[in-house]
PDB file of N, CA and C in Angstrom:
ATOM      1  N   ASP A   1      -3.572 -10.363  -2.136  1.00  0.00           N
ATOM      2  CA  ASP A   1      -3.960  -8.973  -2.064  1.00  0.00           C
ATOM      3  C   ASP A   1      -4.076  -8.549  -0.602  1.00  0.00           C
ATOM      4  N   TYR A   2      -4.065  -7.272  -0.392  1.00  0.00           N
ATOM      5  CA  TYR A   2      -4.049  -6.759   0.981  1.00  0.00           C
ATOM      6  C   TYR A   2      -5.391  -6.940   1.694  1.00  0.00           C
ATOM      7  N   LYS A   3      -6.483  -6.836   0.957  1.00  0.00           N
ATOM      8  CA  LYS A   3      -7.798  -7.036   1.576  1.00  0.00           C
ATOM      9  C   LYS A   3      -7.971  -8.492   2.000  1.00  0.00           C
ATOM     10  N   GLY A   4      -7.460  -9.413   1.199  1.00  0.00           N
ATOM     11  CA  GLY A   4      -7.515 -10.827   1.551  1.00  0.00           C
ATOM     12  C   GLY A   4      -6.668 -11.136   2.773  1.00  0.00           C
ATOM     13  N   GLN A   5      -5.505 -10.492   2.871  1.00  0.00           N
ATOM     14  CA  GLN A   5      -4.654 -10.684   4.050  1.00  0.00           C
ATOM     15  C   GLN A   5      -5.341 -10.156   5.301  1.00  0.00           C
ATOM     16  N   LYS A   6      -6.014  -9.025   5.160  1.00  0.00           N
ATOM     17  CA  LYS A   6      -6.727  -8.458   6.306  1.00  0.00           C
ATOM     18  C   LYS A   6      -7.866  -9.378   6.738  1.00  0.00           C
ATOM     19  N   LEU A   7      -8.605  -9.917   5.755  1.00  0.00           N
ATOM     20  CA  LEU A   7      -9.694 -10.837   6.065  1.00  0.00           C
ATOM     21  C   LEU A   7      -9.171 -12.103   6.741  1.00  0.00           C
ATOM     22  N   ALA A   8      -8.083 -12.650   6.228  1.00  0.00           N
ATOM     23  CA  ALA A   8      -7.500 -13.856   6.824  1.00  0.00           C
ATOM     24  C   ALA A   8      -7.049 -13.587   8.261  1.00  0.00           C
ATOM     25  N   GLU A   9      -6.458 -12.435   8.495  1.00  0.00           N
ATOM     26  CA  GLU A   9      -6.009 -12.086   9.848  1.00  0.00           C
ATOM     27  C   GLU A   9      -7.194 -11.930  10.797  1.00  0.00           C
ATOM     28  N   GLN A  10      -8.275 -11.311  10.329  1.00  0.00           N
ATOM     29  CA  GLN A  10      -9.460 -11.144  11.173  1.00  0.00           C
ATOM     30  C   GLN A  10     -10.098 -12.489  11.499  1.00  0.00           C
ATOM     31  N   ILE A  11     -10.184 -13.369  10.505  1.00  0.00           N
ATOM     32  CA  ILE A  11     -10.752 -14.703  10.746  1.00  0.00           C
ATOM     33  C   ILE A  11      -9.886 -15.468  11.734  1.00  0.00           C
ATOM     34  N   PHE A  12      -8.566 -15.417  11.542  1.00  0.00           N
ATOM     35  CA  PHE A  12      -7.633 -16.123  12.422  1.00  0.00           C
ATOM     36  C   PHE A  12      -7.777 -15.645  13.863  1.00  0.00           C
ATOM     37  N   GLN A  13      -7.741 -14.330  14.051  1.00  0.00           N
ATOM     38  CA  GLN A  13      -7.837 -13.787  15.405  1.00  0.00           C
ATOM     39  C   GLN A  13      -9.204 -14.053  16.032  1.00  0.00           C
ATOM     40  N   GLY A  14     -10.264 -13.973  15.234  1.00  0.00           N
ATOM     41  CA  GLY A  14     -11.602 -14.224  15.751  1.00  0.00           C
ATOM     42  C   GLY A  14     -11.775 -15.652  16.232  1.00  0.00           C
ATOM     43  N   ILE A  15     -11.299 -16.611  15.445  1.00  0.00           N
ATOM     44  CA  ILE A  15     -11.425 -18.014  15.847  1.00  0.00           C
ATOM     45  C   ILE A  15     -10.594 -18.305  17.085  1.00  0.00           C
ATOM     46  N   ILE A  16      -9.388 -17.765  17.150  1.00  0.00           N
ATOM     47  CA  ILE A  16      -8.535 -17.966  18.324  1.00  0.00           C
ATOM     48  C   ILE A  16      -9.194 -17.362  19.571  1.00  0.00           C
ATOM     49  N   LEU A  17      -9.744 -16.165  19.427  1.00  0.00           N
ATOM     50  CA  LEU A  17     -10.384 -15.509  20.568  1.00  0.00           C
ATOM     51  C   LEU A  17     -11.613 -16.289  21.048  1.00  0.00           C
ATOM     52  N   VAL A  18     -12.466 -16.697  20.119  1.00  0.00           N
ATOM     53  CA  VAL A  18     -13.669 -17.437  20.496  1.00  0.00           C
ATOM     54  C   VAL A  18     -13.306 -18.771  21.131  1.00  0.00           C
ATOM     55  N   SER A  19     -12.339 -19.480  20.551  1.00  0.00           N
ATOM     56  CA  SER A  19     -11.959 -20.772  21.130  1.00  0.00           C
ATOM     57  C   SER A  19     -11.303 -20.596  22.500  1.00  0.00           C
ATOM     58  N   ALA A  20     -10.564 -19.510  22.694  1.00  0.00           N
ATOM     59  CA  ALA A  20      -9.960 -19.264  24.007  1.00  0.00           C
ATOM     60  C   ALA A  20     -11.028 -18.984  25.061  1.00  0.00           C
ATOM     61  N   ILE A  21     -12.038 -18.211  24.694  1.00  0.00           N
ATOM     62  CA  ILE A  21     -13.115 -17.909  25.642  1.00  0.00           C
ATOM     63  C   ILE A  21     -13.908 -19.174  25.974  1.00  0.00           C
ATOM     64  N   ILE A  22     -14.269 -19.927  24.937  1.00  0.00           N
ATOM     65  CA  ILE A  22     -15.020 -21.169  25.161  1.00  0.00           C
ATOM     66  C   ILE A  22     -14.177 -22.157  25.977  1.00  0.00           C
ATOM     67  N   GLY A  23     -12.901 -22.271  25.618  1.00  0.00           N
ATOM     68  CA  GLY A  23     -12.020 -23.180  26.347  1.00  0.00           C
ATOM     69  C   GLY A  23     -11.855 -22.790  27.799  1.00  0.00           C
ATOM     70  N   PHE A  24     -11.727 -21.492  28.056  1.00  0.00           N
ATOM     71  CA  PHE A  24     -11.583 -21.038  29.437  1.00  0.00           C
ATOM     72  C   PHE A  24     -12.843 -21.331  30.244  1.00  0.00           C
ATOM     73  N   ILE A  25     -13.991 -21.009  29.650  1.00  0.00           N
ATOM     74  CA  ILE A  25     -15.255 -21.242  30.371  1.00  0.00           C
ATOM     75  C   ILE A  25     -15.461 -22.732  30.630  1.00  0.00           C
ATOM     76  N   TYR A  26     -15.253 -23.553  29.605  1.00  0.00           N
ATOM     77  CA  TYR A  26     -15.460 -24.988  29.779  1.00  0.00           C
ATOM     78  C   TYR A  26     -14.442 -25.576  30.767  1.00  0.00           C
ATOM     79  N   GLY A  27     -13.200 -25.141  30.663  1.00  0.00           N
ATOM     80  CA  GLY A  27     -12.182 -25.610  31.602  1.00  0.00           C
ATOM     81  C   GLY A  27     -12.471 -25.168  33.029  1.00  0.00           C
ATOM     82  N   TYR A  28     -13.013 -23.970  33.202  1.00  0.00           N
ATOM     83  CA  TYR A  28     -13.359 -23.475  34.533  1.00  0.00           C
ATOM     84  C   TYR A  28     -14.511 -24.283  35.137  1.00  0.00           C
ATOM     85  N   ILE A  29     -15.517 -24.566  34.283  1.00  0.00           N
ATOM     86  CA  ILE A  29     -16.678 -25.318  34.774  1.00  0.00           C
ATOM     87  C   ILE A  29     -16.277 -26.739  35.159  1.00  0.00           C
ATOM     88  N   THR A  30     -15.495 -27.406  34.329  1.00  0.00           N
ATOM     89  CA  THR A  30     -15.102 -28.795  34.602  1.00  0.00           C
ATOM     90  C   THR A  30     -13.885 -28.883  35.512  1.00  0.00           C
ATOM     91  N   GLU A  31     -13.258 -27.752  35.808  1.00  0.00           N
ATOM     92  CA  GLU A  31     -12.049 -27.685  36.632  1.00  0.00           C
ATOM     93  C   GLU A  31     -10.922 -28.547  36.050  1.00  0.00           C
ATOM     94  N   GLN A  32     -10.822 -28.527  34.728  1.00  0.00           N
ATOM     95  CA  GLN A  32      -9.777 -29.261  34.027  1.00  0.00           C
ATOM     96  C   GLN A  32      -9.075 -28.304  33.060  1.00  0.00           C
ATOM     97  N   PHE A  33      -7.839 -27.946  33.384  1.00  0.00           N
ATOM     98  CA  PHE A  33      -7.088 -27.035  32.522  1.00  0.00           C
ATOM     99  C   PHE A  33      -6.761 -27.692  31.179  1.00  0.00           C
ATOM    100  N   GLY A  34      -6.669 -28.986  31.154  1.00  0.00           N
ATOM    101  CA  GLY A  34      -6.362 -29.709  29.921  1.00  0.00           C
ATOM    102  C   GLY A  34      -7.404 -29.470  28.842  1.00  0.00           C
ATOM    103  N   TRP A  35      -8.683 -29.397  29.232  1.00  0.00           N
ATOM    104  CA  TRP A  35      -9.732 -29.143  28.250  1.00  0.00           C
ATOM    105  C   TRP A  35      -9.594 -27.746  27.647  1.00  0.00           C
ATOM    106  N   THR A  36      -9.153 -26.804  28.443  1.00  0.00           N
ATOM    107  CA  THR A  36      -8.914 -25.454  27.933  1.00  0.00           C
ATOM    108  C   THR A  36      -7.847 -25.488  26.844  1.00  0.00           C
ATOM    109  N   VAL A  37      -6.780 -26.192  27.117  1.00  0.00           N
ATOM    110  CA  VAL A  37      -5.688 -26.284  26.143  1.00  0.00           C
ATOM    111  C   VAL A  37      -6.151 -27.007  24.883  1.00  0.00           C
ATOM    112  N   TYR A  38      -6.894 -28.095  25.027  1.00  0.00           N
ATOM    113  CA  TYR A  38      -7.379 -28.845  23.871  1.00  0.00           C
ATOM    114  C   TYR A  38      -8.292 -27.999  22.986  1.00  0.00           C
ATOM    115  N   ILE A  39      -9.178 -27.241  23.611  1.00  0.00           N
ATOM    116  CA  ILE A  39     -10.113 -26.421  22.832  1.00  0.00           C
ATOM    117  C   ILE A  39      -9.375 -25.297  22.112  1.00  0.00           C
ATOM    118  N   VAL A  40      -8.414 -24.688  22.777  1.00  0.00           N
ATOM    119  CA  VAL A  40      -7.628 -23.629  22.118  1.00  0.00           C
ATOM    120  C   VAL A  40      -6.800 -24.214  20.983  1.00  0.00           C
ATOM    121  N   MET A  41      -6.229 -25.392  21.180  1.00  0.00           N
ATOM    122  CA  MET A  41      -5.461 -26.031  20.104  1.00  0.00           C
ATOM    123  C   MET A  41      -6.365 -26.410  18.935  1.00  0.00           C
ATOM    124  N   ALA A  42      -7.577 -26.857  19.205  1.00  0.00           N
ATOM    125  CA  ALA A  42      -8.529 -27.168  18.133  1.00  0.00           C
ATOM    126  C   ALA A  42      -8.902 -25.894  17.373  1.00  0.00           C
ATOM    127  N   GLY A  43      -9.101 -24.807  18.084  1.00  0.00           N
ATOM    128  CA  GLY A  43      -9.383 -23.525  17.432  1.00  0.00           C
ATOM    129  C   GLY A  43      -8.231 -23.058  16.576  1.00  0.00           C
ATOM    130  N   PHE A  44      -7.019 -23.273  17.053  1.00  0.00           N
ATOM    131  CA  PHE A  44      -5.830 -22.912  16.277  1.00  0.00           C
ATOM    132  C   PHE A  44      -5.752 -23.742  15.000  1.00  0.00           C
ATOM    133  N   ALA A  45      -6.046 -25.042  15.111  1.00  0.00           N
ATOM    134  CA  ALA A  45      -6.007 -25.922  13.936  1.00  0.00           C
ATOM    135  C   ALA A  45      -7.067 -25.509  12.911  1.00  0.00           C
ATOM    136  N   VAL A  46      -8.272 -25.202  13.381  1.00  0.00           N
ATOM    137  CA  VAL A  46      -9.337 -24.777  12.468  1.00  0.00           C
ATOM    138  C   VAL A  46      -8.981 -23.452  11.798  1.00  0.00           C
ATOM    139  N   SER A  47      -8.429 -22.521  12.570  1.00  0.00           N
ATOM    140  CA  SER A  47      -8.070 -21.229  11.991  1.00  0.00           C
ATOM    141  C   SER A  47      -6.935 -21.369  10.985  1.00  0.00           C
ATOM    142  N   CYS A  48      -6.000 -22.256  11.232  1.00  0.00           N
ATOM    143  CA  CYS A  48      -4.931 -22.504  10.256  1.00  0.00           C
ATOM    144  C   CYS A  48      -5.496 -23.119   8.980  1.00  0.00           C
ATOM    145  N   LEU A  49      -6.432 -24.025   9.129  1.00  0.00           N
ATOM    146  CA  LEU A  49      -7.049 -24.656   7.968  1.00  0.00           C
ATOM    147  C   LEU A  49      -7.826 -23.640   7.127  1.00  0.00           C
ATOM    148  N   LEU A  50      -8.433 -22.666   7.776  1.00  0.00           N
ATOM    149  CA  LEU A  50      -9.218 -21.671   7.051  1.00  0.00           C
ATOM    150  C   LEU A  50      -8.395 -20.519   6.486  1.00  0.00           C
ATOM    151  N   THR A  51      -7.239 -20.237   7.054  1.00  0.00           N
ATOM    152  CA  THR A  51      -6.510 -19.038   6.639  1.00  0.00           C
ATOM    153  C   THR A  51      -5.197 -19.297   5.912  1.00  0.00           C
ATOM    154  N   LEU A  52      -4.559 -20.433   6.094  1.00  0.00           N
ATOM    155  CA  LEU A  52      -3.254 -20.639   5.463  1.00  0.00           C
ATOM    156  C   LEU A  52      -3.322 -20.988   3.978  1.00  0.00           C
ATOM    157  N   PRO A  53      -4.200 -21.861   3.522  1.00  0.00           N
ATOM    158  CA  PRO A  53      -4.254 -22.121   2.077  1.00  0.00           C
ATOM    159  C   PRO A  53      -4.760 -20.895   1.312  1.00  0.00           C
ATOM    160  N   PRO A  54      -4.346 -20.731   0.066  1.00  0.00           N
ATOM    161  CA  PRO A  54      -4.795 -19.566  -0.714  1.00  0.00           C
ATOM    162  C   PRO A  54      -6.205 -19.768  -1.269  1.00  0.00           C
ATOM    163  N   TRP A  55      -7.201 -19.708  -0.414  1.00  0.00           N
ATOM    164  CA  TRP A  55      -8.581 -19.885  -0.826  1.00  0.00           C
ATOM    165  C   TRP A  55      -8.998 -18.746  -1.751  1.00  0.00           C
ATOM    166  N   PRO A  56      -9.957 -18.982  -2.666  1.00  0.00           N
ATOM    167  CA  PRO A  56     -10.393 -17.928  -3.595  1.00  0.00           C
ATOM    168  C   PRO A  56     -10.979 -16.692  -2.896  1.00  0.00           C
ATOM    169  N   MET A  57     -11.533 -16.852  -1.706  1.00  0.00           N
ATOM    170  CA  MET A  57     -12.110 -15.684  -1.022  1.00  0.00           C
ATOM    171  C   MET A  57     -11.040 -14.676  -0.600  1.00  0.00           C
ATOM    172  N   TYR A  58      -9.776 -15.105  -0.558  1.00  0.00           N
ATOM    173  CA  TYR A  58      -8.687 -14.191  -0.209  1.00  0.00           C
ATOM    174  C   TYR A  58      -8.041 -13.581  -1.446  1.00  0.00           C
ATOM    175  N   ARG A  59      -8.428 -14.008  -2.647  1.00  0.00           N
ATOM    176  CA  ARG A  59      -7.800 -13.515  -3.872  1.00  0.00           C
ATOM    177  C   ARG A  59      -8.791 -12.766  -4.758  1.00  0.00           C
ATOM    178  N   ARG A  60      -9.715 -12.077  -4.184  1.00  0.00           N
ATOM    179  CA  ARG A  60     -10.721 -11.346  -4.966  1.00  0.00           C
ATOM    180  C   ARG A  60     -10.219 -10.016  -5.498  1.00  0.00           C
ATOM    181  N   ASN A  61      -9.220  -9.432  -4.892  1.00  0.00           N
ATOM    182  CA  ASN A  61      -8.705  -8.116  -5.286  1.00  0.00           C
ATOM    183  C   ASN A  61      -7.215  -8.220  -5.612  1.00  0.00           C
ATOM    184  N   PRO A  62      -6.867  -8.772  -6.776  1.00  0.00           N
ATOM    185  CA  PRO A  62      -5.442  -8.944  -7.082  1.00  0.00           C
ATOM    186  C   PRO A  62      -4.741  -7.603  -7.290  1.00  0.00           C
ATOM    187  N   LEU A  63      -3.455  -7.601  -6.999  1.00  0.00           N
ATOM    188  CA  LEU A  63      -2.653  -6.397  -7.181  1.00  0.00           C
ATOM    189  C   LEU A  63      -2.331  -6.204  -8.658  1.00  0.00           C
ATOM    190  N   LYS A  64      -2.271  -4.956  -9.087  1.00  0.00           N
ATOM    191  CA  LYS A  64      -1.905  -4.661 -10.476  1.00  0.00           C
ATOM    192  C   LYS A  64      -0.415  -4.332 -10.514  1.00  0.00           C
ATOM    193  N   TRP A  65       0.337  -5.185 -11.191  1.00  0.00           N
ATOM    194  CA  TRP A  65       1.778  -5.019 -11.280  1.00  0.00           C
ATOM    195  C   TRP A  65       2.134  -4.177 -12.499  1.00  0.00           C
ATOM    196  N   LEU A  66       3.309  -3.577 -12.478  1.00  0.00           N
ATOM    197  CA  LEU A  66       3.786  -2.834 -13.630  1.00  0.00           C
ATOM    198  C   LEU A  66       4.125  -3.799 -14.757  1.00  0.00           C
ATOM    199  N   PRO A  67       3.968  -3.381 -16.005  1.00  0.00           N
ATOM    200  CA  PRO A  67       4.328  -4.280 -17.107  1.00  0.00           C
ATOM    201  C   PRO A  67       5.831  -4.498 -17.173  1.00  0.00           C
ATOM    202  N   VAL A  68       6.228  -5.625 -17.754  1.00  0.00           N
ATOM    203  CA  VAL A  68       7.643  -5.954 -17.881  1.00  0.00           C
ATOM    204  C   VAL A  68       8.269  -5.055 -18.929  1.00  0.00           C
ATOM    205  N   GLN A  69       9.428  -4.480 -18.611  1.00  0.00           N
ATOM    206  CA  GLN A  69      10.132  -3.624 -19.558  1.00  0.00           C
ATOM    207  C   GLN A  69      11.296  -4.382 -20.161  1.00  0.00           C
ATOM    208  N   GLU A  70      11.479  -4.214 -21.458  1.00  0.00           N
ATOM    209  CA  GLU A  70      12.596  -4.856 -22.135  1.00  0.00           C
ATOM    210  C   GLU A  70      13.889  -4.152 -21.752  1.00  0.00           C
ATOM    211  N   SER A  71      14.927  -4.911 -21.546  1.00  0.00           N
ATOM    212  CA  SER A  71      16.210  -4.328 -21.144  1.00  0.00           C
ATOM    213  C   SER A  71      17.248  -4.527 -22.241  1.00  0.00           C
ATOM    214  N   GLY A  72      16.848  -4.516 -23.498  1.00  0.00           N
ATOM    215  CA  GLY A  72      17.762  -4.744 -24.615  1.00  0.00           C
ATOM    216  C   GLY A  72      18.822  -3.671 -24.741  1.00  0.00           C
ATOM    217  N   THR A  73      18.515  -2.415 -24.458  1.00  0.00           N
ATOM    218  CA  THR A  73      19.494  -1.340 -24.612  1.00  0.00           C
ATOM    219  C   THR A  73      20.599  -1.457 -23.571  1.00  0.00           C
ATOM    220  N   GLU A  74      20.273  -1.873 -22.374  1.00  0.00           N
ATOM    221  CA  GLU A  74      21.302  -2.022 -21.342  1.00  0.00           C
ATOM    222  C   GLU A  74      22.247  -3.165 -21.677  1.00  0.00           C
ATOM    223  N   GLU A  75      21.719  -4.237 -22.262  1.00  0.00           N
ATOM    224  CA  GLU A  75      22.569  -5.366 -22.632  1.00  0.00           C
ATOM    225  C   GLU A  75      23.550  -4.974 -23.728  1.00  0.00           C
ATOM    226  N   LYS A  76      23.102  -4.154 -24.674  1.00  0.00           N
ATOM    227  CA  LYS A  76      23.990  -3.705 -25.756  1.00  0.00           C
ATOM    228  C   LYS A  76      25.113  -2.841 -25.203  1.00  0.00           C
ATOM    229  N   LYS A  77      24.786  -1.942 -24.277  1.00  0.00           N
ATOM    230  CA  LYS A  77      25.804  -1.081 -23.688  1.00  0.00           C
ATOM    231  C   LYS A  77      26.828  -1.899 -22.923  1.00  0.00           C
ATOM    232  N   ALA A  78      26.378  -2.922 -22.201  1.00  0.00           N
ATOM    233  CA  ALA A  78      27.300  -3.763 -21.435  1.00  0.00           C
ATOM    234  C   ALA A  78      28.195  -4.558 -22.376  1.00  0.00           C
ATOM    235  N   ALA A  79      27.680  -4.989 -23.529  1.00  0.00           N
ATOM    236  CA  ALA A  79      28.478  -5.765 -24.474  1.00  0.00           C
ATOM    237  C   ALA A  79      29.497  -4.882 -25.176  1.00  0.00           C
ATOM    238  N   GLU A  80      29.210  -3.594 -25.356  1.00  0.00           N
ATOM    239  CA  GLU A  80      30.136  -2.689 -26.038  1.00  0.00           C
ATOM    240  C   GLU A  80      31.330  -2.315 -25.167  1.00  0.00           C
ATOM    241  N   ARG A  81      31.185  -2.383 -23.873  1.00  0.00           N
ATOM    242  CA  ARG A  81      32.285  -2.035 -22.976  1.00  0.00           C
ATOM    243  C   ARG A  81      33.400  -3.069 -23.087  1.00  0.00           C
ATOM    244  N   LYS A  82      34.608  -2.572 -23.015  1.00  0.00           N
ATOM    245  CA  LYS A  82      35.757  -3.484 -23.058  1.00  0.00           C
ATOM    246  C   LYS A  82      36.073  -3.934 -21.638  1.00  0.00           C
ATOM    247  N   PRO A  83      36.412  -5.194 -21.486  1.00  0.00           N
ATOM    248  CA  PRO A  83      36.775  -5.656 -20.142  1.00  0.00           C
ATOM    249  C   PRO A  83      38.087  -5.023 -19.689  1.00  0.00           C
ATOM    250  N   LYS A  84      38.190  -4.739 -18.410  1.00  0.00           N
ATOM    251  CA  LYS A  84      39.412  -4.139 -17.863  1.00  0.00           C
ATOM    252  C   LYS A  84      40.487  -5.202 -17.744  1.00  0.00           C
ATOM    253  N   ARG A  85      41.677  -4.800 -18.082  1.00  0.00           N
ATOM    254  CA  ARG A  85      42.828  -5.706 -17.935  1.00  0.00           C
ATOM    255  C   ARG A  85      43.677  -5.201 -16.779  1.00  0.00           C
ATOM    256  N   TYR A  86      44.025  -6.105 -15.947  1.00  0.00           N
ATOM    257  CA  TYR A  86      44.812  -5.756 -14.776  1.00  0.00           C
ATOM    258  C   TYR A  86      46.277  -6.125 -15.043  1.00  0.00           C
ATOM    259  N   ALA A  87      47.159  -5.309 -14.519  1.00  0.00           N
ATOM    260  CA  ALA A  87      48.586  -5.577 -14.672  1.00  0.00           C
ATOM    261  C   ALA A  87      48.999  -6.755 -13.809  1.00  0.00           C
ATOM    262  N   LYS A  88      49.844  -7.602 -14.359  1.00  0.00           N
ATOM    263  CA  LYS A  88      50.327  -8.760 -13.585  1.00  0.00           C
ATOM    264  C   LYS A  88      51.379  -8.283 -12.615  1.00  0.00           C
ATOM    265  N   SER A  89      51.366  -8.818 -11.420  1.00  0.00           N
ATOM    266  CA  SER A  89      52.370  -8.391 -10.450  1.00  0.00           C
ATOM    267  C   SER A  89      53.398  -9.452 -10.221  1.00  0.00           C
TER     268      SER A  89
END
């Protein structure tokens, strides 16, 4: 559903943003750029774990689809038509 997609996107972006800020601050304090990258990658992994599987919290508002329509009349019309014959050359 669309509300679930919006929630998943907000969670994903929020975790990435928070991990980037924490990673930048920690990397700046320790003067190690590698820690910044590790923390951002950990945030990305956590956000993927929380948003990619179809968790029930994302499926609370299912979409209402149109009912299936029978196509029996179209099949009868197609069967009544004669196949075209092409002239041999």
